[in-house]
Amino acid sequence: MATILMVAIAILLAALVLLMVFVPQFNMSVFSSTPSFLEIKSIRHESESGAMNYDSRVTLYHNGTLSYKNADLYAVFYCNQEKLPCVIETLNGFNFIPTHHFGVQTLAGLGCSGMFWNPCEKIAIDFTDGTFHPGDLVTVEIYQRPKSLLISRHSRTA
């Protein structure tokens, strides 16, 4: 019985190694508890006039390798580990306009302008003034519909 069990475990491990070798998209990050294809590139507090009015503009950067249909993505933001009462139901700029997006004024950038958020593209989110202040820990989670699957998370200090 023990021999059969050891052979089964060896076969499973060999299958995992073969998957990693022959399927380039498969890697051990599948088992990671904190996935990440995005990065918070910047958090701005100043207005265009240079005044410190806590403008709260966040720029997200796609540093992964896969393209995502932005209409199927939505974002959840946290400030100092508390969920913000803002709603971003979609990361598609055209679909974002008619939604009820409390706490967020606009979306901009290449990542939300087409149908897909491709690698190396940015999405700029203009929050209600005063949402973030210097020193705040800002966290974003990106979920994919229809299963509300968490596909990326990143944090940065403002």
Protein backbone atom coordinates (compact mmCIF):
# COMPACT_ATOMS: atom_id res chain seq x y z
CA MET A 1 0.00 0.00 0.00
CA ALA A 2 2.81 2.40 0.88
CA THR A 3 4.56 1.64 -2.40
CA ILE A 4 1.42 2.47 -4.39
CA LEU A 5 1.06 5.75 -2.50
CA MET A 6 4.68 6.72 -3.15
CA VAL A 7 4.35 5.92 -6.85
CA ALA A 8 1.18 8.05 -7.08
CA ILE A 9 2.93 11.01 -5.40
CA ALA A 10 5.92 10.64 -7.74
CA ILE A 11 3.62 10.64 -10.78
CA LEU A 12 1.82 13.80 -9.55
CA LEU A 13 5.11 15.61 -8.99
CA ALA A 14 6.36 14.58 -12.43
CA ALA A 15 3.12 15.90 -13.98
CA LEU A 16 3.60 19.28 -12.26
CA VAL A 17 7.19 19.51 -13.53
CA LEU A 18 6.06 18.66 -17.07
CA LEU A 19 3.35 21.35 -16.88
CA MET A 20 5.90 23.95 -15.84
CA VAL A 21 8.26 22.94 -18.66
CA PHE A 22 5.78 22.57 -21.54
CA VAL A 23 3.16 25.18 -20.66
CA PRO A 24 4.93 28.57 -20.33
CA GLN A 25 1.92 30.33 -18.76
CA PHE A 26 1.89 27.85 -15.86
CA ASN A 27 4.15 28.73 -12.99
CA MET A 28 4.18 28.44 -9.23
CA SER A 29 2.48 31.85 -8.89
CA VAL A 30 -0.78 29.94 -9.42
CA PHE A 31 -0.36 28.79 -5.83
CA SER A 32 0.58 32.24 -4.51
CA SER A 33 -1.80 33.78 -1.99
CA THR A 34 -1.25 37.29 -3.36
CA PRO A 35 -1.40 37.41 -7.14
CA SER A 36 -0.12 40.49 -8.91
CA PHE A 37 0.01 41.70 -12.49
CA LEU A 38 -0.43 45.33 -11.59
CA GLU A 39 1.46 48.03 -9.81
CA ILE A 40 0.30 51.31 -8.32
CA LYS A 41 2.66 53.60 -10.25
CA SER A 42 1.74 56.85 -8.56
CA ILE A 43 -0.57 58.53 -6.08
CA ARG A 44 -0.85 62.28 -6.66
CA HIS A 45 -2.10 64.84 -4.16
CA GLU A 46 -1.47 68.12 -5.98
CA SER A 47 -3.82 69.81 -8.42
CA GLU A 48 -2.64 71.10 -11.81
CA SER A 49 -2.11 74.53 -10.23
CA GLY A 50 0.35 72.99 -7.77
CA ALA A 51 -1.87 73.45 -4.72
CA MET A 52 -1.87 70.63 -2.14
CA ASN A 53 -5.60 69.88 -2.10
CA TYR A 54 -5.30 66.07 -1.85
CA ASP A 55 -6.44 65.54 -5.46
CA SER A 56 -6.17 61.75 -4.94
CA ARG A 57 -5.24 60.52 -8.41
CA VAL A 58 -3.99 56.94 -8.65
CA THR A 59 -2.23 55.46 -11.69
CA LEU A 60 -2.29 51.68 -12.15
CA TYR A 61 0.28 49.97 -14.41
CA HIS A 62 -0.17 46.51 -15.99
CA ASN A 63 3.22 44.81 -15.57
CA GLY A 64 2.02 41.29 -16.41
CA THR A 65 2.05 39.27 -19.62
CA LEU A 66 -1.66 38.53 -20.25
CA SER A 67 -4.33 40.84 -21.65
CA TYR A 68 -7.60 41.15 -19.72
CA LYS A 69 -10.99 42.17 -21.03
CA ASN A 70 -11.40 45.41 -19.05
CA ALA A 71 -15.23 45.26 -19.12
CA ASP A 72 -14.98 42.11 -16.99
CA LEU A 73 -12.71 43.73 -14.40
CA TYR A 74 -13.64 45.79 -11.36
CA ALA A 75 -11.55 47.38 -8.64
CA VAL A 76 -11.82 47.54 -4.87
CA PHE A 77 -9.67 50.10 -3.04
CA TYR A 78 -8.53 50.27 0.57
CA CYS A 79 -6.98 53.14 2.49
CA ASN A 80 -5.01 52.08 5.56
CA GLN A 81 -6.61 48.61 5.30
CA GLU A 82 -10.17 49.99 5.39
CA LYS A 83 -12.34 49.41 2.34
CA LEU A 84 -13.25 52.68 0.65
CA PRO A 85 -16.92 53.42 0.00
CA CYS A 86 -16.17 54.00 -3.69
CA VAL A 87 -17.53 51.85 -6.51
CA ILE A 88 -15.68 51.07 -9.72
CA GLU A 89 -17.95 48.51 -11.43
CA THR A 90 -15.84 48.24 -14.58
CA LEU A 91 -12.40 49.21 -15.83
CA ASN A 92 -13.72 49.86 -19.34
CA GLY A 93 -13.84 53.65 -19.77
CA PHE A 94 -16.85 53.63 -22.12
CA ASN A 95 -18.90 51.35 -19.83
CA PHE A 96 -17.75 53.29 -16.75
CA ILE A 97 -19.52 56.51 -17.80
CA PRO A 98 -23.14 55.37 -17.19
CA THR A 99 -22.37 53.40 -14.00
CA HIS A 100 -22.92 54.60 -10.44
CA HIS A 101 -19.29 55.31 -9.57
CA PHE A 102 -19.41 56.87 -6.13
CA GLY A 103 -16.14 58.34 -4.92
CA VAL A 104 -14.52 58.25 -8.39
CA GLN A 105 -14.76 61.06 -10.89
CA THR A 106 -13.03 59.68 -14.01
CA LEU A 107 -11.04 56.82 -15.55
CA ALA A 108 -8.40 57.54 -18.19
CA GLY A 109 -5.53 55.86 -20.01
CA LEU A 110 -4.87 53.20 -22.61
CA GLY A 111 -5.87 50.37 -20.26
CA CYS A 112 -9.48 51.52 -20.15
CA SER A 113 -9.84 53.02 -23.64
CA GLY A 114 -10.13 49.84 -25.70
CA MET A 115 -11.64 46.45 -25.01
CA PHE A 116 -8.55 45.03 -23.28
CA TRP A 117 -6.11 46.06 -20.59
CA ASN A 118 -2.84 44.98 -22.19
CA PRO A 119 0.64 44.68 -20.66
CA CYS A 120 2.49 48.00 -20.21
CA GLU A 121 -0.76 50.04 -20.29
CA LYS A 122 -1.88 52.41 -17.54
CA ILE A 123 -5.24 53.34 -16.04
CA ALA A 124 -5.51 56.66 -14.17
CA ILE A 125 -8.29 56.96 -11.60
CA ASP A 126 -9.36 60.36 -10.29
CA PHE A 127 -10.90 59.90 -6.85
CA THR A 128 -12.92 62.47 -4.95
CA ASP A 129 -10.53 65.08 -3.54
CA GLY A 130 -9.29 64.20 -0.07
CA THR A 131 -9.59 60.42 -0.45
CA PHE A 132 -5.86 59.85 0.06
CA HIS A 133 -3.34 61.84 2.09
CA PRO A 134 0.46 61.60 2.29
CA GLY A 135 1.48 58.55 4.33
CA ASP A 136 -1.73 56.57 3.67
CA LEU A 137 -1.35 52.92 2.66
CA VAL A 138 -3.34 52.48 -0.56
CA THR A 139 -4.29 48.96 -1.67
CA VAL A 140 -6.10 47.98 -4.86
CA GLU A 141 -7.63 44.60 -5.65
CA ILE A 142 -8.68 43.74 -9.20
CA TYR A 143 -11.45 41.16 -9.61
CA GLN A 144 -12.62 39.40 -12.77
CA ARG A 145 -16.22 38.57 -13.56
CA PRO A 146 -18.30 36.46 -13.76
CA LYS A 147 -16.88 34.60 -10.74
CA SER A 148 -15.52 37.66 -8.87
CA LEU A 149 -12.09 36.04 -8.92
CA LEU A 150 -9.28 38.08 -7.34
CA ILE A 151 -6.62 38.31 -10.06
CA SER A 152 -4.30 40.98 -8.67
CA ARG A 153 -3.50 43.02 -5.56
CA HIS A 154 -0.95 45.73 -4.88
CA SER A 155 -0.24 48.24 -2.10
CA ARG A 156 1.74 51.46 -1.98
CA THR A 157 2.23 54.26 0.52
CA ALA A 158 0.90 57.60 -0.69
